[in-house]
Amino acid sequence: ASALSSAFGATLILASALALLYGTYSLIFKLPAAVPIKQ
């Protein structure tokens, strides 16, 4: 539609992919921090 619209759309798709990848790693694959025993 326009250079601005195309750039905005591409940036959003890239940001969405990165957010999904990071979220998946953090929530599923990343080892959770140890909970302090006293807590």
PDB file of all heavy atoms in Angstrom:
ATOM      1  N   ALA A   1       0.837  -1.205   0.000  1.00  0.00           N
ATOM      2  CA  ALA A   1       0.000   0.000   0.000  1.00  0.00           C
ATOM      3  C   ALA A   1       0.866   1.248   0.000  1.00  0.00           C
ATOM      4  O   ALA A   1       0.597   2.215  -0.708  1.00  0.00           O
ATOM      5  CB  ALA A   1      -0.944   0.000   1.199  1.00  0.00           C
ATOM      6  N   SER A   2       1.906   1.210   0.812  1.00  0.00           N
ATOM      7  CA  SER A   2       2.862   2.317   0.886  1.00  0.00           C
ATOM      8  C   SER A   2       4.116   1.790   1.551  1.00  0.00           C
ATOM      9  O   SER A   2       4.113   0.718   2.165  1.00  0.00           O
ATOM     10  CB  SER A   2       2.286   3.494   1.694  1.00  0.00           C
ATOM     11  OG  SER A   2       2.140   3.123   3.056  1.00  0.00           O
ATOM     12  N   ALA A   3       5.205   2.561   1.421  1.00  0.00           N
ATOM     13  CA  ALA A   3       6.467   2.143   2.044  1.00  0.00           C
ATOM     14  C   ALA A   3       6.316   2.063   3.560  1.00  0.00           C
ATOM     15  O   ALA A   3       6.820   1.137   4.211  1.00  0.00           O
ATOM     16  CB  ALA A   3       7.585   3.115   1.661  1.00  0.00           C
ATOM     17  N   LEU A   4       5.619   3.046   4.140  1.00  0.00           N
ATOM     18  CA  LEU A   4       5.433   3.077   5.592  1.00  0.00           C
ATOM     19  C   LEU A   4       4.602   1.897   6.063  1.00  0.00           C
ATOM     20  O   LEU A   4       4.913   1.235   7.054  1.00  0.00           O
ATOM     21  CB  LEU A   4       4.767   4.394   5.998  1.00  0.00           C
ATOM     22  CG  LEU A   4       4.494   4.559   7.507  1.00  0.00           C
ATOM     23  CD1 LEU A   4       5.802   4.507   8.291  1.00  0.00           C
ATOM     24  CD2 LEU A   4       3.758   5.871   7.768  1.00  0.00           C
ATOM     25  N   SER A   5       3.515   1.611   5.339  1.00  0.00           N
ATOM     26  CA  SER A   5       2.630   0.507   5.705  1.00  0.00           C
ATOM     27  C   SER A   5       3.353  -0.827   5.594  1.00  0.00           C
ATOM     28  O   SER A   5       3.224  -1.695   6.467  1.00  0.00           O
ATOM     29  CB  SER A   5       1.388   0.502   4.809  1.00  0.00           C
ATOM     30  OG  SER A   5       0.536  -0.578   5.141  1.00  0.00           O
ATOM     31  N   SER A   6       4.133  -0.985   4.535  1.00  0.00           N
ATOM     32  CA  SER A   6       4.881  -2.231   4.344  1.00  0.00           C
ATOM     33  C   SER A   6       5.922  -2.418   5.437  1.00  0.00           C
ATOM     34  O   SER A   6       6.098  -3.515   5.987  1.00  0.00           O
ATOM     35  CB  SER A   6       5.548  -2.251   2.967  1.00  0.00           C
ATOM     36  OG  SER A   6       4.589  -2.206   1.936  1.00  0.00           O
ATOM     37  N   ALA A   7       6.641  -1.332   5.759  1.00  0.00           N
ATOM     38  CA  ALA A   7       7.679  -1.398   6.791  1.00  0.00           C
ATOM     39  C   ALA A   7       7.060  -1.711   8.155  1.00  0.00           C
ATOM     40  O   ALA A   7       7.598  -2.501   8.934  1.00  0.00           O
ATOM     41  CB  ALA A   7       8.445  -0.075   6.849  1.00  0.00           C
ATOM     42  N   PHE A   8       5.910  -1.053   8.413  1.00  0.00           N
ATOM     43  CA  PHE A   8       5.232  -1.291   9.691  1.00  0.00           C
ATOM     44  C   PHE A   8       4.778  -2.743   9.813  1.00  0.00           C
ATOM     45  O   PHE A   8       4.938  -3.390  10.843  1.00  0.00           O
ATOM     46  CB  PHE A   8       4.035  -0.348   9.809  1.00  0.00           C
ATOM     47  CG  PHE A   8       3.264  -0.525  11.086  1.00  0.00           C
ATOM     48  CD1 PHE A   8       3.795  -0.141  12.300  1.00  0.00           C
ATOM     49  CD2 PHE A   8       1.982  -1.092  11.062  1.00  0.00           C
ATOM     50  CE1 PHE A   8       3.085  -0.313  13.477  1.00  0.00           C
ATOM     51  CE2 PHE A   8       1.270  -1.263  12.228  1.00  0.00           C
ATOM     52  CZ  PHE A   8       1.822  -0.871  13.443  1.00  0.00           C
ATOM     53  N   GLY A   9       4.215  -3.274   8.717  1.00  0.00           N
ATOM     54  CA  GLY A   9       3.743  -4.657   8.727  1.00  0.00           C
ATOM     55  C   GLY A   9       4.878  -5.642   8.904  1.00  0.00           C
ATOM     56  O   GLY A   9       4.774  -6.609   9.679  1.00  0.00           O
ATOM     57  N   ALA A  10       5.993  -5.415   8.202  1.00  0.00           N
ATOM     58  CA  ALA A  10       7.148  -6.310   8.312  1.00  0.00           C
ATOM     59  C   ALA A  10       7.730  -6.273   9.715  1.00  0.00           C
ATOM     60  O   ALA A  10       8.123  -7.303  10.273  1.00  0.00           O
ATOM     61  CB  ALA A  10       8.203  -5.919   7.287  1.00  0.00           C
ATOM     62  N   THR A  11       7.806  -5.076  10.296  1.00  0.00           N
ATOM     63  CA  THR A  11       8.338  -4.932  11.658  1.00  0.00           C
ATOM     64  C   THR A  11       7.468  -5.663  12.669  1.00  0.00           C
ATOM     65  O   THR A  11       7.965  -6.325  13.592  1.00  0.00           O
ATOM     66  CB  THR A  11       8.429  -3.437  12.040  1.00  0.00           C
ATOM     67  OG1 THR A  11       9.284  -2.766  11.110  1.00  0.00           O
ATOM     68  CG2 THR A  11       8.988  -3.272  13.445  1.00  0.00           C
ATOM     69  N   LEU A  12       6.148  -5.542  12.496  1.00  0.00           N
ATOM     70  CA  LEU A  12       5.224  -6.220  13.418  1.00  0.00           C
ATOM     71  C   LEU A  12       5.366  -7.733  13.328  1.00  0.00           C
ATOM     72  O   LEU A  12       5.396  -8.425  14.355  1.00  0.00           O
ATOM     73  CB  LEU A  12       3.784  -5.808  13.118  1.00  0.00           C
ATOM     74  CG  LEU A  12       2.720  -6.495  13.978  1.00  0.00           C
ATOM     75  CD1 LEU A  12       2.904  -6.146  15.446  1.00  0.00           C
ATOM     76  CD2 LEU A  12       1.324  -6.113  13.512  1.00  0.00           C
ATOM     77  N   ILE A  13       5.484  -8.260  12.112  1.00  0.00           N
ATOM     78  CA  ILE A  13       5.614  -9.706  11.934  1.00  0.00           C
ATOM     79  C   ILE A  13       6.921 -10.197  12.570  1.00  0.00           C
ATOM     80  O   ILE A  13       6.952 -11.220  13.264  1.00  0.00           O
ATOM     81  CB  ILE A  13       5.568 -10.074  10.439  1.00  0.00           C
ATOM     82  CG1 ILE A  13       4.157  -9.843   9.895  1.00  0.00           C
ATOM     83  CG2 ILE A  13       5.984 -11.525  10.231  1.00  0.00           C
ATOM     84  CD1 ILE A  13       4.035 -10.068   8.409  1.00  0.00           C
ATOM     85  N   LEU A  14       7.996  -9.457  12.362  1.00  0.00           N
ATOM     86  CA  LEU A  14       9.279  -9.835  12.949  1.00  0.00           C
ATOM     87  C   LEU A  14       9.219  -9.778  14.474  1.00  0.00           C
ATOM     88  O   LEU A  14       9.677 -10.696  15.164  1.00  0.00           O
ATOM     89  CB  LEU A  14      10.380  -8.903  12.438  1.00  0.00           C
ATOM     90  CG  LEU A  14      11.791  -9.144  13.008  1.00  0.00           C
ATOM     91  CD1 LEU A  14      12.259 -10.555  12.679  1.00  0.00           C
ATOM     92  CD2 LEU A  14      12.768  -8.110  12.469  1.00  0.00           C
ATOM     93  N   ALA A  15       8.626  -8.706  14.989  1.00  0.00           N
ATOM     94  CA  ALA A  15       8.507  -8.561  16.447  1.00  0.00           C
ATOM     95  C   ALA A  15       7.642  -9.669  17.032  1.00  0.00           C
ATOM     96  O   ALA A  15       7.926 -10.197  18.114  1.00  0.00           O
ATOM     97  CB  ALA A  15       7.921  -7.190  16.782  1.00  0.00           C
ATOM     98  N   SER A  16       6.582 -10.046  16.328  1.00  0.00           N
ATOM     99  CA  SER A  16       5.695 -11.124  16.800  1.00  0.00           C
ATOM    100  C   SER A  16       6.440 -12.444  16.850  1.00  0.00           C
ATOM    101  O   SER A  16       6.303 -13.214  17.802  1.00  0.00           O
ATOM    102  CB  SER A  16       4.474 -11.236  15.878  1.00  0.00           C
ATOM    103  OG  SER A  16       3.715 -10.055  15.877  1.00  0.00           O
ATOM    104  N   ALA A  17       7.234 -12.703  15.806  1.00  0.00           N
ATOM    105  CA  ALA A  17       8.000 -13.955  15.761  1.00  0.00           C
ATOM    106  C   ALA A  17       9.019 -14.010  16.891  1.00  0.00           C
ATOM    107  O   ALA A  17       9.177 -15.043  17.561  1.00  0.00           O
ATOM    108  CB  ALA A  17       8.698 -14.101  14.409  1.00  0.00           C
ATOM    109  N   LEU A  18       9.710 -12.892  17.120  1.00  0.00           N
ATOM    110  CA  LEU A  18      10.703 -12.843  18.193  1.00  0.00           C
ATOM    111  C   LEU A  18      10.051 -12.996  19.567  1.00  0.00           C
ATOM    112  O   LEU A  18      10.572 -13.697  20.443  1.00  0.00           O
ATOM    113  CB  LEU A  18      11.475 -11.519  18.121  1.00  0.00           C
ATOM    114  CG  LEU A  18      12.413 -11.344  16.922  1.00  0.00           C
ATOM    115  CD1 LEU A  18      13.006  -9.941  16.906  1.00  0.00           C
ATOM    116  CD2 LEU A  18      13.532 -12.392  16.964  1.00  0.00           C
ATOM    117  N   ALA A  19       8.902 -12.337  19.741  1.00  0.00           N
ATOM    118  CA  ALA A  19       8.191 -12.438  21.021  1.00  0.00           C
ATOM    119  C   ALA A  19       7.730 -13.872  21.276  1.00  0.00           C
ATOM    120  O   ALA A  19       7.810 -14.383  22.396  1.00  0.00           O
ATOM    121  CB  ALA A  19       6.995 -11.489  21.027  1.00  0.00           C
ATOM    122  N   LEU A  20       7.258 -14.552  20.218  1.00  0.00           N
ATOM    123  CA  LEU A  20       6.806 -15.926  20.356  1.00  0.00           C
ATOM    124  C   LEU A  20       7.966 -16.856  20.671  1.00  0.00           C
ATOM    125  O   LEU A  20       7.856 -17.730  21.541  1.00  0.00           O
ATOM    126  CB  LEU A  20       6.109 -16.370  19.072  1.00  0.00           C
ATOM    127  CG  LEU A  20       5.544 -17.795  19.065  1.00  0.00           C
ATOM    128  CD1 LEU A  20       4.519 -17.965  20.187  1.00  0.00           C
ATOM    129  CD2 LEU A  20       4.901 -18.117  17.727  1.00  0.00           C
ATOM    130  N   LEU A  21       9.097 -16.661  19.994  1.00  0.00           N
ATOM    131  CA  LEU A  21      10.269 -17.497  20.236  1.00  0.00           C
ATOM    132  C   LEU A  21      10.801 -17.308  21.652  1.00  0.00           C
ATOM    133  O   LEU A  21      11.095 -18.286  22.357  1.00  0.00           O
ATOM    134  CB  LEU A  21      11.374 -17.176  19.217  1.00  0.00           C
ATOM    135  CG  LEU A  21      11.134 -17.659  17.784  1.00  0.00           C
ATOM    136  CD1 LEU A  21      12.207 -17.116  16.854  1.00  0.00           C
ATOM    137  CD2 LEU A  21      11.104 -19.189  17.737  1.00  0.00           C
ATOM    138  N   TYR A  22      10.919 -16.056  22.064  1.00  0.00           N
ATOM    139  CA  TYR A  22      11.436 -15.778  23.403  1.00  0.00           C
ATOM    140  C   TYR A  22      10.468 -16.270  24.473  1.00  0.00           C
ATOM    141  O   TYR A  22      10.873 -16.837  25.492  1.00  0.00           O
ATOM    142  CB  TYR A  22      11.684 -14.286  23.580  1.00  0.00           C
ATOM    143  CG  TYR A  22      12.237 -13.942  24.949  1.00  0.00           C
ATOM    144  CD1 TYR A  22      13.563 -14.203  25.262  1.00  0.00           C
ATOM    145  CD2 TYR A  22      11.416 -13.390  25.927  1.00  0.00           C
ATOM    146  CE1 TYR A  22      14.065 -13.914  26.529  1.00  0.00           C
ATOM    147  CE2 TYR A  22      11.906 -13.097  27.192  1.00  0.00           C
ATOM    148  CZ  TYR A  22      13.234 -13.361  27.487  1.00  0.00           C
ATOM    149  OH  TYR A  22      13.723 -13.086  28.731  1.00  0.00           O
ATOM    150  N   GLY A  23       9.180 -16.059  24.246  1.00  0.00           N
ATOM    151  CA  GLY A  23       8.188 -16.515  25.217  1.00  0.00           C
ATOM    152  C   GLY A  23       8.181 -18.025  25.357  1.00  0.00           C
ATOM    153  O   GLY A  23       8.089 -18.556  26.468  1.00  0.00           O
ATOM    154  N   THR A  24       8.294 -18.727  24.229  1.00  0.00           N
ATOM    155  CA  THR A  24       8.330 -20.189  24.260  1.00  0.00           C
ATOM    156  C   THR A  24       9.550 -20.685  25.024  1.00  0.00           C
ATOM    157  O   THR A  24       9.465 -21.606  25.856  1.00  0.00           O
ATOM    158  CB  THR A  24       8.349 -20.757  22.835  1.00  0.00           C
ATOM    159  OG1 THR A  24       7.192 -20.317  22.134  1.00  0.00           O
ATOM    160  CG2 THR A  24       8.364 -22.286  22.856  1.00  0.00           C
ATOM    161  N   TYR A  25      10.695 -20.050  24.751  1.00  0.00           N
ATOM    162  CA  TYR A  25      11.924 -20.444  25.461  1.00  0.00           C
ATOM    163  C   TYR A  25      11.810 -20.175  26.954  1.00  0.00           C
ATOM    164  O   TYR A  25      12.140 -21.033  27.785  1.00  0.00           O
ATOM    165  CB  TYR A  25      13.119 -19.669  24.891  1.00  0.00           C
ATOM    166  CG  TYR A  25      14.352 -19.771  25.743  1.00  0.00           C
ATOM    167  CD1 TYR A  25      15.107 -20.943  25.787  1.00  0.00           C
ATOM    168  CD2 TYR A  25      14.760 -18.698  26.524  1.00  0.00           C
ATOM    169  CE1 TYR A  25      16.228 -21.044  26.587  1.00  0.00           C
ATOM    170  CE2 TYR A  25      15.885 -18.785  27.333  1.00  0.00           C
ATOM    171  CZ  TYR A  25      16.618 -19.954  27.353  1.00  0.00           C
ATOM    172  OH  TYR A  25      17.725 -20.045  28.157  1.00  0.00           O
ATOM    173  N   SER A  26      11.334 -18.989  27.312  1.00  0.00           N
ATOM    174  CA  SER A  26      11.263 -18.608  28.722  1.00  0.00           C
ATOM    175  C   SER A  26      10.278 -19.459  29.510  1.00  0.00           C
ATOM    176  O   SER A  26      10.539 -19.833  30.659  1.00  0.00           O
ATOM    177  CB  SER A  26      10.875 -17.125  28.844  1.00  0.00           C
ATOM    178  OG  SER A  26      11.831 -16.305  28.229  1.00  0.00           O
ATOM    179  N   LEU A  27       9.146 -19.777  28.880  1.00  0.00           N
ATOM    180  CA  LEU A  27       8.084 -20.478  29.602  1.00  0.00           C
ATOM    181  C   LEU A  27       8.216 -21.994  29.568  1.00  0.00           C
ATOM    182  O   LEU A  27       7.784 -22.675  30.495  1.00  0.00           O
ATOM    183  CB  LEU A  27       6.720 -20.067  29.032  1.00  0.00           C
ATOM    184  CG  LEU A  27       6.321 -18.602  29.256  1.00  0.00           C
ATOM    185  CD1 LEU A  27       5.081 -18.266  28.457  1.00  0.00           C
ATOM    186  CD2 LEU A  27       6.090 -18.338  30.736  1.00  0.00           C
ATOM    187  N   ILE A  28       8.806 -22.533  28.501  1.00  0.00           N
ATOM    188  CA  ILE A  28       8.826 -23.984  28.333  1.00  0.00           C
ATOM    189  C   ILE A  28      10.222 -24.583  28.489  1.00  0.00           C
ATOM    190  O   ILE A  28      10.413 -25.569  29.205  1.00  0.00           O
ATOM    191  CB  ILE A  28       8.247 -24.389  26.963  1.00  0.00           C
ATOM    192  CG1 ILE A  28       6.838 -23.816  26.794  1.00  0.00           C
ATOM    193  CG2 ILE A  28       8.244 -25.902  26.808  1.00  0.00           C
ATOM    194  CD1 ILE A  28       5.846 -24.272  27.831  1.00  0.00           C
ATOM    195  N   PHE A  29      11.205 -23.976  27.858  1.00  0.00           N
ATOM    196  CA  PHE A  29      12.520 -24.601  27.803  1.00  0.00           C
ATOM    197  C   PHE A  29      13.513 -24.072  28.832  1.00  0.00           C
ATOM    198  O   PHE A  29      14.427 -24.787  29.243  1.00  0.00           O
ATOM    199  CB  PHE A  29      13.124 -24.444  26.401  1.00  0.00           C
ATOM    200  CG  PHE A  29      12.307 -25.118  25.341  1.00  0.00           C
ATOM    201  CD1 PHE A  29      11.536 -24.377  24.458  1.00  0.00           C
ATOM    202  CD2 PHE A  29      12.292 -26.497  25.228  1.00  0.00           C
ATOM    203  CE1 PHE A  29      10.771 -25.000  23.487  1.00  0.00           C
ATOM    204  CE2 PHE A  29      11.525 -27.127  24.262  1.00  0.00           C
ATOM    205  CZ  PHE A  29      10.764 -26.374  23.390  1.00  0.00           C
ATOM    206  N   LYS A  30      13.363 -22.847  29.248  1.00  0.00           N
ATOM    207  CA  LYS A  30      14.308 -22.270  30.190  1.00  0.00           C
ATOM    208  C   LYS A  30      14.123 -22.894  31.566  1.00  0.00           C
ATOM    209  O   LYS A  30      13.003 -23.032  32.055  1.00  0.00           O
ATOM    210  CB  LYS A  30      14.112 -20.761  30.283  1.00  0.00           C
ATOM    211  CG  LYS A  30      15.151 -20.062  31.159  1.00  0.00           C
ATOM    212  CD  LYS A  30      14.906 -18.560  31.180  1.00  0.00           C
ATOM    213  CE  LYS A  30      15.923 -17.848  32.053  1.00  0.00           C
ATOM    214  NZ  LYS A  30      15.683 -16.386  32.088  1.00  0.00           N
ATOM    215  N   LEU A  31      15.233 -23.287  32.202  1.00  0.00           N
ATOM    216  CA  LEU A  31      15.175 -23.871  33.539  1.00  0.00           C
ATOM    217  C   LEU A  31      14.695 -22.817  34.524  1.00  0.00           C
ATOM    218  O   LEU A  31      15.284 -21.743  34.617  1.00  0.00           O
ATOM    219  CB  LEU A  31      16.570 -24.365  33.955  1.00  0.00           C
ATOM    220  CG  LEU A  31      16.667 -25.135  35.279  1.00  0.00           C
ATOM    221  CD1 LEU A  31      15.945 -26.462  35.159  1.00  0.00           C
ATOM    222  CD2 LEU A  31      18.113 -25.335  35.659  1.00  0.00           C
ATOM    223  N   PRO A  32      13.604 -23.077  35.258  1.00  0.00           N
ATOM    224  CA  PRO A  32      13.100 -22.081  36.193  1.00  0.00           C
ATOM    225  C   PRO A  32      14.084 -21.831  37.326  1.00  0.00           C
ATOM    226  O   PRO A  32      14.833 -22.725  37.717  1.00  0.00           O
ATOM    227  CB  PRO A  32      11.798 -22.719  36.723  1.00  0.00           C
ATOM    228  CG  PRO A  32      11.984 -24.178  36.510  1.00  0.00           C
ATOM    229  CD  PRO A  32      12.807 -24.316  35.270  1.00  0.00           C
ATOM    230  N   ALA A  33      14.095 -20.624  37.847  1.00  0.00           N
ATOM    231  CA  ALA A  33      14.994 -20.306  38.952  1.00  0.00           C
ATOM    232  C   ALA A  33      14.577 -21.078  40.195  1.00  0.00           C
ATOM    233  O   ALA A  33      13.394 -21.339  40.431  1.00  0.00           O
ATOM    234  CB  ALA A  33      14.945 -18.810  39.231  1.00  0.00           C
ATOM    235  N   ALA A  34      15.571 -21.461  40.974  1.00  0.00           N
ATOM    236  CA  ALA A  34      15.283 -22.209  42.195  1.00  0.00           C
ATOM    237  C   ALA A  34      14.528 -21.325  43.176  1.00  0.00           C
ATOM    238  O   ALA A  34      14.858 -20.156  43.375  1.00  0.00           O
ATOM    239  CB  ALA A  34      16.582 -22.702  42.822  1.00  0.00           C
ATOM    240  N   VAL A  35      13.485 -21.879  43.783  1.00  0.00           N
ATOM    241  CA  VAL A  35      12.710 -21.146  44.779  1.00  0.00           C
ATOM    242  C   VAL A  35      13.436 -21.228  46.114  1.00  0.00           C
ATOM    243  O   VAL A  35      13.815 -22.316  46.546  1.00  0.00           O
ATOM    244  CB  VAL A  35      11.297 -21.754  44.918  1.00  0.00           C
ATOM    245  CG1 VAL A  35      10.497 -20.991  45.964  1.00  0.00           C
ATOM    246  CG2 VAL A  35      10.581 -21.749  43.582  1.00  0.00           C
ATOM    247  N   PRO A  36      13.681 -20.100  46.802  1.00  0.00           N
ATOM    248  CA  PRO A  36      14.319 -20.160  48.117  1.00  0.00           C
ATOM    249  C   PRO A  36      13.552 -21.080  49.049  1.00  0.00           C
ATOM    250  O   PRO A  36      12.326 -20.965  49.165  1.00  0.00           O
ATOM    251  CB  PRO A  36      14.269 -18.697  48.591  1.00  0.00           C
ATOM    252  CG  PRO A  36      14.223 -17.898  47.324  1.00  0.00           C
ATOM    253  CD  PRO A  36      13.401 -18.716  46.376  1.00  0.00           C
ATOM    254  N   ILE A  37      14.274 -21.981  49.707  1.00  0.00           N
ATOM    255  CA  ILE A  37      13.626 -23.007  50.540  1.00  0.00           C
ATOM    256  C   ILE A  37      12.736 -22.377  51.611  1.00  0.00           C
ATOM    257  O   ILE A  37      11.630 -22.855  51.877  1.00  0.00           O
ATOM    258  CB  ILE A  37      14.681 -23.911  51.202  1.00  0.00           C
ATOM    259  CG1 ILE A  37      15.593 -24.532  50.136  1.00  0.00           C
ATOM    260  CG2 ILE A  37      14.008 -25.003  52.017  1.00  0.00           C
ATOM    261  CD1 ILE A  37      14.887 -25.386  49.136  1.00  0.00           C
ATOM    262  N   LYS A  38      13.196 -21.292  52.217  1.00  0.00           N
ATOM    263  CA  LYS A  38      12.440 -20.672  53.302  1.00  0.00           C
ATOM    264  C   LYS A  38      11.109 -20.094  52.827  1.00  0.00           C
ATOM    265  O   LYS A  38      10.211 -19.865  53.631  1.00  0.00           O
ATOM    266  CB  LYS A  38      13.282 -19.578  53.966  1.00  0.00           C
ATOM    267  CG  LYS A  38      14.482 -20.109  54.744  1.00  0.00           C
ATOM    268  CD  LYS A  38      15.231 -18.982  55.437  1.00  0.00           C
ATOM    269  CE  LYS A  38      16.408 -19.516  56.238  1.00  0.00           C
ATOM    270  NZ  LYS A  38      17.154 -18.420  56.923  1.00  0.00           N
ATOM    271  N   GLN A  39      10.995 -19.829  51.542  1.00  0.00           N
ATOM    272  CA  GLN A  39       9.762 -19.235  51.002  1.00  0.00           C
ATOM    273  C   GLN A  39       8.745 -20.278  50.566  1.00  0.00           C
ATOM    274  O   GLN A  39       7.631 -19.942  50.178  1.00  0.00           O
ATOM    275  CB  GLN A  39      10.107 -18.324  49.821  1.00  0.00           C
ATOM    276  CG  GLN A  39      10.957 -17.123  50.190  1.00  0.00           C
ATOM    277  CD  GLN A  39      11.256 -16.235  49.008  1.00  0.00           C
ATOM    278  OE1 GLN A  39      10.626 -16.343  47.956  1.00  0.00           O
ATOM    279  NE2 GLN A  39      12.226 -15.340  49.149  1.00  0.00           N
TER     280      GLN A  39
END
